[in-house]
């Protein structure tokens, strides 16, 4: 078993339950001492755009912004798919602190050495 966890998400503000759950699982894995990467594809790239999740909440009451603040404060790696973000006119300067762009090749490399959870 590996201590590396990659959580991929493809939904964003269009599905508050699944997108908030991805951020929540990243927080839980980090608190369990895992090396966590949150890799965001498709609509999920909006989750790391400044101001986009200020009011995003799951049916369970989990608040995405509060969870994301934890990830930022604890240096959890957050990667937005470069072509997914560019197709949505998101520039790297639009990203929240701690997030960056990354490629499909990077996702494959990360996933090759980790347990993967996909939402």
PDB file of N, CA and C in Angstrom:
ATOM      1  N   UNK A   1       0.845  -1.181   0.000  1.00  0.00           N
ATOM      2  CA  UNK A   1       0.000   0.000   0.000  1.00  0.00           C
ATOM      3  C   UNK A   1       0.887   1.240   0.000  1.00  0.00           C
ATOM      4  N   UNK A   2       0.456   2.232  -0.744  1.00  0.00           N
ATOM      5  CA  UNK A   2       1.233   3.457  -0.883  1.00  0.00           C
ATOM      6  C   UNK A   2       0.688   4.564   0.018  1.00  0.00           C
ATOM      7  N   UNK A   3       1.547   5.492   0.349  1.00  0.00           N
ATOM      8  CA  UNK A   3       1.114   6.678   1.086  1.00  0.00           C
ATOM      9  C   UNK A   3       0.770   7.819   0.142  1.00  0.00           C
ATOM     10  N   UNK A   4       0.856   7.571  -1.165  1.00  0.00           N
ATOM     11  CA  UNK A   4       0.535   8.583  -2.164  1.00  0.00           C
ATOM     12  C   UNK A   4      -0.906   8.405  -2.626  1.00  0.00           C
ATOM     13  N   UNK A   5      -1.668   9.491  -2.563  1.00  0.00           N
ATOM     14  CA  UNK A   5      -3.067   9.483  -2.980  1.00  0.00           C
ATOM     15  C   UNK A   5      -3.256  10.577  -4.022  1.00  0.00           C
ATOM     16  N   UNK A   6      -3.831  10.211  -5.152  1.00  0.00           N
ATOM     17  CA  UNK A   6      -4.216  11.190  -6.165  1.00  0.00           C
ATOM     18  C   UNK A   6      -5.732  11.183  -6.243  1.00  0.00           C
ATOM     19  N   UNK A   7      -6.315  12.342  -6.051  1.00  0.00           N
ATOM     20  CA  UNK A   7      -7.763  12.483  -6.186  1.00  0.00           C
ATOM     21  C   UNK A   7      -8.001  13.295  -7.453  1.00  0.00           C
ATOM     22  N   UNK A   8      -8.715  12.696  -8.393  1.00  0.00           N
ATOM     23  CA  UNK A   8      -9.060  13.409  -9.617  1.00  0.00           C
ATOM     24  C   UNK A   8     -10.527  13.787  -9.563  1.00  0.00           C
ATOM     25  N   UNK A   9     -10.813  14.964 -10.051  1.00  0.00           N
ATOM     26  CA  UNK A   9     -12.197  15.426 -10.122  1.00  0.00           C
ATOM     27  C   UNK A   9     -12.419  16.060 -11.484  1.00  0.00           C
ATOM     28  N   UNK A  10     -13.588  15.819 -12.034  1.00  0.00           N
ATOM     29  CA  UNK A  10     -13.928  16.412 -13.328  1.00  0.00           C
ATOM     30  C   UNK A  10     -15.154  17.309 -13.235  1.00  0.00           C
ATOM     31  N   UNK A  11     -15.773  17.382 -12.068  1.00  0.00           N
ATOM     32  CA  UNK A  11     -16.935  18.255 -11.906  1.00  0.00           C
ATOM     33  C   UNK A  11     -16.549  19.435 -11.018  1.00  0.00           C
ATOM     34  N   UNK A  12     -17.205  20.536 -11.259  1.00  0.00           N
ATOM     35  CA  UNK A  12     -16.896  21.740 -10.496  1.00  0.00           C
ATOM     36  C   UNK A  12     -18.134  22.323  -9.871  1.00  0.00           C
ATOM     37  N   UNK A  13     -18.371  23.587 -10.146  1.00  0.00           N
ATOM     38  CA  UNK A  13     -19.533  24.260  -9.581  1.00  0.00           C
ATOM     39  C   UNK A  13     -20.838  23.695 -10.139  1.00  0.00           C
ATOM     40  N   UNK A  14     -20.745  22.943 -11.222  1.00  0.00           N
ATOM     41  CA  UNK A  14     -21.928  22.313 -11.817  1.00  0.00           C
ATOM     42  C   UNK A  14     -22.444  21.146 -10.980  1.00  0.00           C
ATOM     43  N   UNK A  15     -21.620  20.627 -10.071  1.00  0.00           N
ATOM     44  CA  UNK A  15     -22.026  19.524  -9.197  1.00  0.00           C
ATOM     45  C   UNK A  15     -21.402  19.740  -7.820  1.00  0.00           C
ATOM     46  N   UNK A  16     -22.031  20.559  -6.987  1.00  0.00           N
ATOM     47  CA  UNK A  16     -21.446  20.907  -5.692  1.00  0.00           C
ATOM     48  C   UNK A  16     -21.174  19.707  -4.786  1.00  0.00           C
ATOM     49  N   UNK A  17     -21.998  18.675  -4.862  1.00  0.00           N
ATOM     50  CA  UNK A  17     -21.791  17.514  -3.995  1.00  0.00           C
ATOM     51  C   UNK A  17     -20.512  16.780  -4.352  1.00  0.00           C
ATOM     52  N   UNK A  18     -20.346  16.411  -5.604  1.00  0.00           N
ATOM     53  CA  UNK A  18     -19.147  15.660  -6.012  1.00  0.00           C
ATOM     54  C   UNK A  18     -17.879  16.503  -5.900  1.00  0.00           C
ATOM     55  N   UNK A  19     -17.949  17.768  -6.291  1.00  0.00           N
ATOM     56  CA  UNK A  19     -16.736  18.588  -6.251  1.00  0.00           C
ATOM     57  C   UNK A  19     -16.309  18.869  -4.804  1.00  0.00           C
ATOM     58  N   UNK A  20     -17.271  19.145  -3.944  1.00  0.00           N
ATOM     59  CA  UNK A  20     -16.933  19.361  -2.531  1.00  0.00           C
ATOM     60  C   UNK A  20     -16.400  18.074  -1.920  1.00  0.00           C
ATOM     61  N   UNK A  21     -16.958  16.947  -2.314  1.00  0.00           N
ATOM     62  CA  UNK A  21     -16.487  15.664  -1.789  1.00  0.00           C
ATOM     63  C   UNK A  21     -15.029  15.418  -2.175  1.00  0.00           C
ATOM     64  N   UNK A  22     -14.632  15.780  -3.382  1.00  0.00           N
ATOM     65  CA  UNK A  22     -13.234  15.611  -3.803  1.00  0.00           C
ATOM     66  C   UNK A  22     -12.295  16.403  -2.904  1.00  0.00           C
ATOM     67  N   UNK A  23     -12.668  17.653  -2.620  1.00  0.00           N
ATOM     68  CA  UNK A  23     -11.841  18.493  -1.752  1.00  0.00           C
ATOM     69  C   UNK A  23     -11.831  17.927  -0.338  1.00  0.00           C
ATOM     70  N   UNK A  24     -12.981  17.454   0.112  1.00  0.00           N
ATOM     71  CA  UNK A  24     -13.094  16.856   1.444  1.00  0.00           C
ATOM     72  C   UNK A  24     -12.199  15.621   1.571  1.00  0.00           C
ATOM     73  N   UNK A  25     -12.237  14.743   0.577  1.00  0.00           N
ATOM     74  CA  UNK A  25     -11.405  13.534   0.621  1.00  0.00           C
ATOM     75  C   UNK A  25      -9.922  13.879   0.621  1.00  0.00           C
ATOM     76  N   UNK A  26      -9.554  14.929  -0.099  1.00  0.00           N
ATOM     77  CA  UNK A  26      -8.151  15.370  -0.084  1.00  0.00           C
ATOM     78  C   UNK A  26      -7.750  15.802   1.324  1.00  0.00           C
ATOM     79  N   UNK A  27      -8.642  16.518   2.003  1.00  0.00           N
ATOM     80  CA  UNK A  27      -8.361  16.943   3.371  1.00  0.00           C
ATOM     81  C   UNK A  27      -8.237  15.741   4.305  1.00  0.00           C
ATOM     82  N   UNK A  28      -9.172  14.802   4.210  1.00  0.00           N
ATOM     83  CA  UNK A  28      -9.144  13.619   5.077  1.00  0.00           C
ATOM     84  C   UNK A  28      -7.863  12.824   4.853  1.00  0.00           C
ATOM     85  N   UNK A  29      -7.504  12.604   3.594  1.00  0.00           N
ATOM     86  CA  UNK A  29      -6.285  11.847   3.284  1.00  0.00           C
ATOM     87  C   UNK A  29      -5.055  12.554   3.860  1.00  0.00           C
ATOM     88  N   UNK A  30      -5.011  13.875   3.732  1.00  0.00           N
ATOM     89  CA  UNK A  30      -3.883  14.617   4.286  1.00  0.00           C
ATOM     90  C   UNK A  30      -3.819  14.468   5.806  1.00  0.00           C
ATOM     91  N   UNK A  31      -4.965  14.570   6.454  1.00  0.00           N
ATOM     92  CA  UNK A  31      -4.998  14.422   7.917  1.00  0.00           C
ATOM     93  C   UNK A  31      -4.574  13.026   8.348  1.00  0.00           C
ATOM     94  N   UNK A  32      -4.721  12.048   7.466  1.00  0.00           N
ATOM     95  CA  UNK A  32      -4.288  10.676   7.745  1.00  0.00           C
ATOM     96  C   UNK A  32      -2.805  10.476   7.435  1.00  0.00           C
ATOM     97  N   UNK A  33      -2.123  11.555   7.078  1.00  0.00           N
ATOM     98  CA  UNK A  33      -0.687  11.478   6.838  1.00  0.00           C
ATOM     99  C   UNK A  33      -0.292  11.069   5.433  1.00  0.00           C
ATOM    100  N   UNK A  34      -1.223  11.108   4.504  1.00  0.00           N
ATOM    101  CA  UNK A  34      -0.938  10.713   3.120  1.00  0.00           C
ATOM    102  C   UNK A  34      -0.348  11.890   2.342  1.00  0.00           C
ATOM    103  N   UNK A  35       0.420  11.560   1.310  1.00  0.00           N
ATOM    104  CA  UNK A  35       0.913  12.554   0.355  1.00  0.00           C
ATOM    105  C   UNK A  35      -0.185  12.715  -0.693  1.00  0.00           C
ATOM    106  N   UNK A  36      -0.859  13.846  -0.683  1.00  0.00           N
ATOM    107  CA  UNK A  36      -2.066  14.027  -1.476  1.00  0.00           C
ATOM    108  C   UNK A  36      -1.831  14.989  -2.631  1.00  0.00           C
ATOM    109  N   UNK A  37      -2.378  14.619  -3.787  1.00  0.00           N
ATOM    110  CA  UNK A  37      -2.454  15.513  -4.933  1.00  0.00           C
ATOM    111  C   UNK A  37      -3.900  15.564  -5.376  1.00  0.00           C
ATOM    112  N   UNK A  38      -4.423  16.756  -5.536  1.00  0.00           N
ATOM    113  CA  UNK A  38      -5.762  16.965  -6.076  1.00  0.00           C
ATOM    114  C   UNK A  38      -5.575  17.421  -7.520  1.00  0.00           C
ATOM    115  N   UNK A  39      -5.981  16.566  -8.468  1.00  0.00           N
ATOM    116  CA  UNK A  39      -5.810  16.873  -9.893  1.00  0.00           C
ATOM    117  C   UNK A  39      -7.181  17.159 -10.476  1.00  0.00           C
ATOM    118  N   UNK A  40      -7.335  18.351 -11.060  1.00  0.00           N
ATOM    119  CA  UNK A  40      -8.637  18.821 -11.517  1.00  0.00           C
ATOM    120  C   UNK A  40      -8.702  18.870 -13.042  1.00  0.00           C
ATOM    121  N   UNK A  41      -9.735  18.235 -13.567  1.00  0.00           N
ATOM    122  CA  UNK A  41      -9.959  18.144 -15.009  1.00  0.00           C
ATOM    123  C   UNK A  41     -11.296  18.790 -15.362  1.00  0.00           C
ATOM    124  N   UNK A  42     -11.491  19.074 -16.631  1.00  0.00           N
ATOM    125  CA  UNK A  42     -12.771  19.559 -17.147  1.00  0.00           C
ATOM    126  C   UNK A  42     -13.326  20.685 -16.280  1.00  0.00           C
ATOM    127  N   UNK A  43     -14.596  20.588 -15.860  1.00  0.00           N
ATOM    128  CA  UNK A  43     -15.242  21.652 -15.086  1.00  0.00           C
ATOM    129  C   UNK A  43     -14.611  21.855 -13.707  1.00  0.00           C
ATOM    130  N   UNK A  44     -13.895  20.862 -13.221  1.00  0.00           N
ATOM    131  CA  UNK A  44     -13.283  20.962 -11.886  1.00  0.00           C
ATOM    132  C   UNK A  44     -12.196  22.028 -11.814  1.00  0.00           C
ATOM    133  N   UNK A  45     -11.671  22.459 -12.949  1.00  0.00           N
ATOM    134  CA  UNK A  45     -10.638  23.503 -12.894  1.00  0.00           C
ATOM    135  C   UNK A  45     -11.186  24.787 -12.280  1.00  0.00           C
ATOM    136  N   UNK A  46     -12.499  24.980 -12.333  1.00  0.00           N
ATOM    137  CA  UNK A  46     -13.104  26.162 -11.710  1.00  0.00           C
ATOM    138  C   UNK A  46     -12.927  26.159 -10.191  1.00  0.00           C
ATOM    139  N   UNK A  47     -12.684  25.000  -9.597  1.00  0.00           N
ATOM    140  CA  UNK A  47     -12.541  24.917  -8.145  1.00  0.00           C
ATOM    141  C   UNK A  47     -11.322  25.669  -7.628  1.00  0.00           C
ATOM    142  N   UNK A  48     -10.321  25.863  -8.484  1.00  0.00           N
ATOM    143  CA  UNK A  48      -9.119  26.592  -8.058  1.00  0.00           C
ATOM    144  C   UNK A  48      -9.007  27.965  -8.711  1.00  0.00           C
ATOM    145  N   UNK A  49     -10.101  28.425  -9.322  1.00  0.00           N
ATOM    146  CA  UNK A  49     -10.139  29.794  -9.835  1.00  0.00           C
ATOM    147  C   UNK A  49     -10.597  30.703  -8.699  1.00  0.00           C
ATOM    148  N   UNK A  50      -9.867  31.777  -8.484  1.00  0.00           N
ATOM    149  CA  UNK A  50     -10.172  32.711  -7.391  1.00  0.00           C
ATOM    150  C   UNK A  50     -11.649  33.105  -7.405  1.00  0.00           C
ATOM    151  N   UNK A  51     -12.286  32.996  -6.231  1.00  0.00           N
ATOM    152  CA  UNK A  51     -13.648  33.453  -6.043  1.00  0.00           C
ATOM    153  C   UNK A  51     -14.752  32.519  -6.514  1.00  0.00           C
ATOM    154  N   UNK A  52     -14.411  31.419  -7.160  1.00  0.00           N
ATOM    155  CA  UNK A  52     -15.436  30.555  -7.748  1.00  0.00           C
ATOM    156  C   UNK A  52     -16.153  29.662  -6.738  1.00  0.00           C
ATOM    157  N   UNK A  53     -15.522  29.346  -5.619  1.00  0.00           N
ATOM    158  CA  UNK A  53     -16.176  28.412  -4.693  1.00  0.00           C
ATOM    159  C   UNK A  53     -16.571  29.074  -3.378  1.00  0.00           C
ATOM    160  N   UNK A  54     -16.631  30.385  -3.378  1.00  0.00           N
ATOM    161  CA  UNK A  54     -16.942  31.113  -2.143  1.00  0.00           C
ATOM    162  C   UNK A  54     -18.244  30.642  -1.491  1.00  0.00           C
ATOM    163  N   UNK A  55     -19.219  30.243  -2.261  1.00  0.00           N
ATOM    164  CA  UNK A  55     -20.518  29.836  -1.714  1.00  0.00           C
ATOM    165  C   UNK A  55     -20.889  28.411  -2.086  1.00  0.00           C
ATOM    166  N   UNK A  56     -19.915  27.601  -2.459  1.00  0.00           N
ATOM    167  CA  UNK A  56     -20.178  26.228  -2.890  1.00  0.00           C
ATOM    168  C   UNK A  56     -20.273  25.310  -1.675  1.00  0.00           C
ATOM    169  N   UNK A  57     -21.387  24.599  -1.577  1.00  0.00           N
ATOM    170  CA  UNK A  57     -21.629  23.755  -0.410  1.00  0.00           C
ATOM    171  C   UNK A  57     -22.316  22.468  -0.859  1.00  0.00           C
ATOM    172  N   UNK A  58     -21.932  21.364  -0.234  1.00  0.00           N
ATOM    173  CA  UNK A  58     -22.550  20.070  -0.513  1.00  0.00           C
ATOM    174  C   UNK A  58     -23.821  19.912   0.313  1.00  0.00           C
ATOM    175  N   UNK A  59     -24.637  18.960  -0.067  1.00  0.00           N
ATOM    176  CA  UNK A  59     -25.879  18.677   0.665  1.00  0.00           C
ATOM    177  C   UNK A  59     -25.598  18.287   2.116  1.00  0.00           C
ATOM    178  N   UNK A  60     -24.420  17.763   2.368  1.00  0.00           N
ATOM    179  CA  UNK A  60     -24.035  17.359   3.731  1.00  0.00           C
ATOM    180  C   UNK A  60     -23.697  18.545   4.619  1.00  0.00           C
ATOM    181  N   UNK A  61     -23.596  19.726   4.006  1.00  0.00           N
ATOM    182  CA  UNK A  61     -23.232  20.924   4.764  1.00  0.00           C
ATOM    183  C   UNK A  61     -21.764  21.281   4.650  1.00  0.00           C
ATOM    184  N   UNK A  62     -20.965  20.396   4.049  1.00  0.00           N
ATOM    185  CA  UNK A  62     -19.541  20.698   3.860  1.00  0.00           C
ATOM    186  C   UNK A  62     -19.400  21.917   2.946  1.00  0.00           C
ATOM    187  N   UNK A  63     -18.565  22.852   3.354  1.00  0.00           N
ATOM    188  CA  UNK A  63     -18.349  24.084   2.600  1.00  0.00           C
ATOM    189  C   UNK A  63     -17.017  23.969   1.866  1.00  0.00           C
ATOM    190  N   UNK A  64     -17.079  24.031   0.535  1.00  0.00           N
ATOM    191  CA  UNK A  64     -15.886  23.824  -0.287  1.00  0.00           C
ATOM    192  C   UNK A  64     -14.771  24.808   0.045  1.00  0.00           C
ATOM    193  N   UNK A  65     -15.115  26.058   0.247  1.00  0.00           N
ATOM    194  CA  UNK A  65     -14.098  27.066   0.516  1.00  0.00           C
ATOM    195  C   UNK A  65     -13.355  26.791   1.820  1.00  0.00           C
ATOM    196  N   UNK A  66     -14.066  26.350   2.842  1.00  0.00           N
ATOM    197  CA  UNK A  66     -13.414  26.009   4.114  1.00  0.00           C
ATOM    198  C   UNK A  66     -12.440  24.845   3.936  1.00  0.00           C
ATOM    199  N   UNK A  67     -12.861  23.848   3.177  1.00  0.00           N
ATOM    200  CA  UNK A  67     -12.014  22.676   2.926  1.00  0.00           C
ATOM    201  C   UNK A  67     -10.789  23.067   2.100  1.00  0.00           C
ATOM    202  N   UNK A  68     -11.010  23.915   1.092  1.00  0.00           N
ATOM    203  CA  UNK A  68      -9.907  24.364   0.240  1.00  0.00           C
ATOM    204  C   UNK A  68      -8.901  25.180   1.046  1.00  0.00           C
ATOM    205  N   UNK A  69      -9.393  25.971   1.986  1.00  0.00           N
ATOM    206  CA  UNK A  69      -8.503  26.751   2.848  1.00  0.00           C
ATOM    207  C   UNK A  69      -7.570  25.823   3.627  1.00  0.00           C
ATOM    208  N   UNK A  70      -8.097  24.691   4.083  1.00  0.00           N
ATOM    209  CA  UNK A  70      -7.259  23.706   4.771  1.00  0.00           C
ATOM    210  C   UNK A  70      -6.167  23.201   3.826  1.00  0.00           C
ATOM    211  N   UNK A  71      -6.546  22.834   2.589  1.00  0.00           N
ATOM    212  CA  UNK A  71      -5.553  22.316   1.629  1.00  0.00           C
ATOM    213  C   UNK A  71      -4.468  23.348   1.381  1.00  0.00           C
ATOM    214  N   UNK A  72      -4.864  24.597   1.206  1.00  0.00           N
ATOM    215  CA  UNK A  72      -3.892  25.660   0.963  1.00  0.00           C
ATOM    216  C   UNK A  72      -2.957  25.842   2.157  1.00  0.00           C
ATOM    217  N   UNK A  73      -3.521  25.879   3.337  1.00  0.00           N
ATOM    218  CA  UNK A  73      -2.727  26.115   4.550  1.00  0.00           C
ATOM    219  C   UNK A  73      -1.743  24.991   4.820  1.00  0.00           C
ATOM    220  N   UNK A  74      -2.040  23.800   4.319  1.00  0.00           N
ATOM    221  CA  UNK A  74      -1.199  22.637   4.584  1.00  0.00           C
ATOM    222  C   UNK A  74      -0.377  22.195   3.386  1.00  0.00           C
ATOM    223  N   UNK A  75      -0.329  23.008   2.360  1.00  0.00           N
ATOM    224  CA  UNK A  75       0.534  22.750   1.220  1.00  0.00           C
ATOM    225  C   UNK A  75       0.164  21.531   0.391  1.00  0.00           C
ATOM    226  N   UNK A  76      -1.120  21.167   0.384  1.00  0.00           N
ATOM    227  CA  UNK A  76      -1.553  20.039  -0.448  1.00  0.00           C
ATOM    228  C   UNK A  76      -1.435  20.445  -1.914  1.00  0.00           C
ATOM    229  N   UNK A  77      -0.862  19.578  -2.721  1.00  0.00           N
ATOM    230  CA  UNK A  77      -0.669  19.858  -4.136  1.00  0.00           C
ATOM    231  C   UNK A  77      -2.008  19.888  -4.860  1.00  0.00           C
ATOM    232  N   UNK A  78      -2.259  20.997  -5.580  1.00  0.00           N
ATOM    233  CA  UNK A  78      -3.482  21.164  -6.363  1.00  0.00           C
ATOM    234  C   UNK A  78      -3.084  21.520  -7.788  1.00  0.00           C
ATOM    235  N   UNK A  79      -3.484  20.671  -8.716  1.00  0.00           N
ATOM    236  CA  UNK A  79      -3.085  20.844 -10.108  1.00  0.00           C
ATOM    237  C   UNK A  79      -4.327  20.930 -10.984  1.00  0.00           C
ATOM    238  N   UNK A  80      -4.388  21.970 -11.809  1.00  0.00           N
ATOM    239  CA  UNK A  80      -5.459  22.125 -12.788  1.00  0.00           C
ATOM    240  C   UNK A  80      -4.920  21.736 -14.162  1.00  0.00           C
ATOM    241  N   UNK A  81      -5.661  20.911 -14.857  1.00  0.00           N
ATOM    242  CA  UNK A  81      -5.295  20.498 -16.214  1.00  0.00           C
ATOM    243  C   UNK A  81      -5.131  21.744 -17.090  1.00  0.00           C
ATOM    244  N   UNK A  82      -3.960  21.889 -17.687  1.00  0.00           N
ATOM    245  CA  UNK A  82      -3.663  23.080 -18.480  1.00  0.00           C
ATOM    246  C   UNK A  82      -4.650  23.290 -19.630  1.00  0.00           C
ATOM    247  N   UNK A  83      -4.839  22.294 -20.528  1.00  0.00           N
ATOM    248  CA  UNK A  83      -5.774  22.555 -21.635  1.00  0.00           C
ATOM    249  C   UNK A  83      -7.223  22.745 -21.166  1.00  0.00           C
ATOM    250  N   UNK A  84      -7.611  22.065 -20.087  1.00  0.00           N
ATOM    251  CA  UNK A  84      -8.974  22.230 -19.550  1.00  0.00           C
ATOM    252  C   UNK A  84      -9.186  23.663 -19.078  1.00  0.00           C
ATOM    253  N   UNK A  85      -8.192  24.213 -18.388  1.00  0.00           N
ATOM    254  CA  UNK A  85      -8.287  25.586 -17.877  1.00  0.00           C
ATOM    255  C   UNK A  85      -8.247  26.593 -19.020  1.00  0.00           C
ATOM    256  N   UNK A  86      -7.340  26.392 -19.947  1.00  0.00           N
ATOM    257  CA  UNK A  86      -7.223  27.344 -21.060  1.00  0.00           C
ATOM    258  C   UNK A  86      -8.484  27.358 -21.919  1.00  0.00           C
ATOM    259  N   UNK A  87      -9.124  26.197 -22.089  1.00  0.00           N
ATOM    260  CA  UNK A  87     -10.374  26.123 -22.858  1.00  0.00           C
ATOM    261  C   UNK A  87     -11.482  26.913 -22.168  1.00  0.00           C
ATOM    262  N   UNK A  88     -11.342  27.113 -20.859  1.00  0.00           N
ATOM    263  CA  UNK A  88     -12.322  27.861 -20.076  1.00  0.00           C
ATOM    264  C   UNK A  88     -11.821  29.268 -19.751  1.00  0.00           C
ATOM    265  N   UNK A  89     -10.795  29.691 -20.479  1.00  0.00           N
ATOM    266  CA  UNK A  89     -10.204  31.025 -20.367  1.00  0.00           C
ATOM    267  C   UNK A  89      -9.728  31.345 -18.947  1.00  0.00           C
ATOM    268  N   UNK A  90      -9.171  30.331 -18.288  1.00  0.00           N
ATOM    269  CA  UNK A  90      -8.584  30.514 -16.964  1.00  0.00           C
ATOM    270  C   UNK A  90      -7.066  30.583 -17.143  1.00  0.00           C
ATOM    271  N   UNK A  91      -6.490  31.668 -16.704  1.00  0.00           N
ATOM    272  CA  UNK A  91      -5.039  31.847 -16.770  1.00  0.00           C
ATOM    273  C   UNK A  91      -4.417  31.418 -15.449  1.00  0.00           C
ATOM    274  N   UNK A  92      -3.136  31.142 -15.471  1.00  0.00           N
ATOM    275  CA  UNK A  92      -2.463  30.734 -14.243  1.00  0.00           C
ATOM    276  C   UNK A  92      -2.557  31.817 -13.168  1.00  0.00           C
ATOM    277  N   UNK A  93      -2.628  33.070 -13.578  1.00  0.00           N
ATOM    278  CA  UNK A  93      -2.761  34.173 -12.622  1.00  0.00           C
ATOM    279  C   UNK A  93      -4.144  34.201 -11.971  1.00  0.00           C
ATOM    280  N   UNK A  94      -5.107  33.471 -12.528  1.00  0.00           N
ATOM    281  CA  UNK A  94      -6.462  33.384 -11.959  1.00  0.00           C
ATOM    282  C   UNK A  94      -6.560  32.362 -10.834  1.00  0.00           C
ATOM    283  N   UNK A  95      -5.531  31.544 -10.677  1.00  0.00           N
ATOM    284  CA  UNK A  95      -5.596  30.443  -9.715  1.00  0.00           C
ATOM    285  C   UNK A  95      -5.371  30.913  -8.284  1.00  0.00           C
ATOM    286  N   UNK A  96      -5.998  30.203  -7.351  1.00  0.00           N
ATOM    287  CA  UNK A  96      -5.789  30.484  -5.933  1.00  0.00           C
ATOM    288  C   UNK A  96      -4.354  30.138  -5.547  1.00  0.00           C
ATOM    289  N   UNK A  97      -3.910  30.673  -4.438  1.00  0.00           N
ATOM    290  CA  UNK A  97      -2.573  30.363  -3.936  1.00  0.00           C
ATOM    291  C   UNK A  97      -2.438  28.865  -3.714  1.00  0.00           C
ATOM    292  N   UNK A  98      -1.331  28.309  -4.174  1.00  0.00           N
ATOM    293  CA  UNK A  98      -1.057  26.891  -3.984  1.00  0.00           C
ATOM    294  C   UNK A  98      -1.477  26.013  -5.139  1.00  0.00           C
ATOM    295  N   UNK A  99      -2.235  26.554  -6.080  1.00  0.00           N
ATOM    296  CA  UNK A  99      -2.646  25.776  -7.249  1.00  0.00           C
ATOM    297  C   UNK A  99      -1.767  26.143  -8.447  1.00  0.00           C
ATOM    298  N   UNK A 100      -1.653  25.192  -9.356  1.00  0.00           N
ATOM    299  CA  UNK A 100      -0.854  25.430 -10.558  1.00  0.00           C
ATOM    300  C   UNK A 100      -1.416  24.598 -11.699  1.00  0.00           C
ATOM    301  N   UNK A 101      -0.925  24.860 -12.888  1.00  0.00           N
ATOM    302  CA  UNK A 101      -1.303  24.072 -14.057  1.00  0.00           C
ATOM    303  C   UNK A 101      -0.430  22.820 -14.149  1.00  0.00           C
ATOM    304  N   UNK A 102      -0.959  21.781 -14.785  1.00  0.00           N
ATOM    305  CA  UNK A 102      -0.207  20.551 -15.004  1.00  0.00           C
ATOM    306  C   UNK A 102      -0.748  19.818 -16.221  1.00  0.00           C
ATOM    307  N   UNK A 103       0.001  18.834 -16.657  1.00  0.00           N
ATOM    308  CA  UNK A 103      -0.331  18.116 -17.891  1.00  0.00           C
ATOM    309  C   UNK A 103      -0.878  16.718 -17.619  1.00  0.00           C
ATOM    310  N   UNK A 104      -1.438  16.140 -18.669  1.00  0.00           N
ATOM    311  CA  UNK A 104      -1.923  14.763 -18.589  1.00  0.00           C
ATOM    312  C   UNK A 104      -0.770  13.818 -18.273  1.00  0.00           C
ATOM    313  N   UNK A 105       0.391  14.077 -18.823  1.00  0.00           N
ATOM    314  CA  UNK A 105       1.553  13.234 -18.557  1.00  0.00           C
ATOM    315  C   UNK A 105       1.894  13.254 -17.069  1.00  0.00           C
ATOM    316  N   UNK A 106       1.786  14.423 -16.453  1.00  0.00           N
ATOM    317  CA  UNK A 106       2.060  14.518 -15.018  1.00  0.00           C
ATOM    318  C   UNK A 106       1.042  13.699 -14.225  1.00  0.00           C
ATOM    319  N   UNK A 107      -0.229  13.758 -14.625  1.00  0.00           N
ATOM    320  CA  UNK A 107      -1.259  12.968 -13.953  1.00  0.00           C
ATOM    321  C   UNK A 107      -0.941  11.482 -14.058  1.00  0.00           C
ATOM    322  N   UNK A 108      -0.550  11.024 -15.217  1.00  0.00           N
ATOM    323  CA  UNK A 108      -0.220   9.608 -15.407  1.00  0.00           C
ATOM    324  C   UNK A 108       0.970   9.218 -14.534  1.00  0.00           C
ATOM    325  N   UNK A 109       1.972  10.064 -14.476  1.00  0.00           N
ATOM    326  CA  UNK A 109       3.141   9.781 -13.645  1.00  0.00           C
ATOM    327  C   UNK A 109       2.759   9.719 -12.165  1.00  0.00           C
ATOM    328  N   UNK A 110       1.941  10.660 -11.722  1.00  0.00           N
ATOM    329  CA  UNK A 110       1.486  10.652 -10.326  1.00  0.00           C
ATOM    330  C   UNK A 110       0.656   9.406 -10.022  1.00  0.00           C
ATOM    331  N   UNK A 111      -0.257   9.086 -10.917  1.00  0.00           N
ATOM    332  CA  UNK A 111      -1.152   7.948 -10.712  1.00  0.00           C
ATOM    333  C   UNK A 111      -0.409   6.624 -10.727  1.00  0.00           C
ATOM    334  N   UNK A 112       0.688   6.562 -11.431  1.00  0.00           N
ATOM    335  CA  UNK A 112       1.481   5.332 -11.517  1.00  0.00           C
ATOM    336  C   UNK A 112       2.110   4.963 -10.181  1.00  0.00           C
ATOM    337  N   UNK A 113       2.245   5.939  -9.302  1.00  0.00           N
ATOM    338  CA  UNK A 113       2.881   5.704  -8.016  1.00  0.00           C
ATOM    339  C   UNK A 113       1.934   5.985  -6.851  1.00  0.00           C
ATOM    340  N   UNK A 114       0.616   5.851  -7.108  1.00  0.00           N
ATOM    341  CA  UNK A 114      -0.343   6.224  -6.066  1.00  0.00           C
ATOM    342  C   UNK A 114      -1.627   5.417  -6.150  1.00  0.00           C
ATOM    343  N   UNK A 115      -2.385   5.490  -5.083  1.00  0.00           N
ATOM    344  CA  UNK A 115      -3.776   5.056  -5.123  1.00  0.00           C
ATOM    345  C   UNK A 115      -4.568   6.223  -5.683  1.00  0.00           C
ATOM    346  N   UNK A 116      -5.539   5.928  -6.539  1.00  0.00           N
ATOM    347  CA  UNK A 116      -6.280   6.990  -7.210  1.00  0.00           C
ATOM    348  C   UNK A 116      -7.754   6.908  -6.852  1.00  0.00           C
ATOM    349  N   UNK A 117      -8.319   8.057  -6.513  1.00  0.00           N
ATOM    350  CA  UNK A 117      -9.756   8.184  -6.282  1.00  0.00           C
ATOM    351  C   UNK A 117     -10.259   9.154  -7.343  1.00  0.00           C
ATOM    352  N   UNK A 118     -11.272   8.752  -8.086  1.00  0.00           N
ATOM    353  CA  UNK A 118     -11.769   9.576  -9.167  1.00  0.00           C
ATOM    354  C   UNK A 118     -13.221   9.970  -8.932  1.00  0.00           C
ATOM    355  N   UNK A 119     -13.492  11.244  -9.009  1.00  0.00           N
ATOM    356  CA  UNK A 119     -14.852  11.764  -8.843  1.00  0.00           C
ATOM    357  C   UNK A 119     -15.254  12.579 -10.054  1.00  0.00           C
TER     358      UNK A 119
END
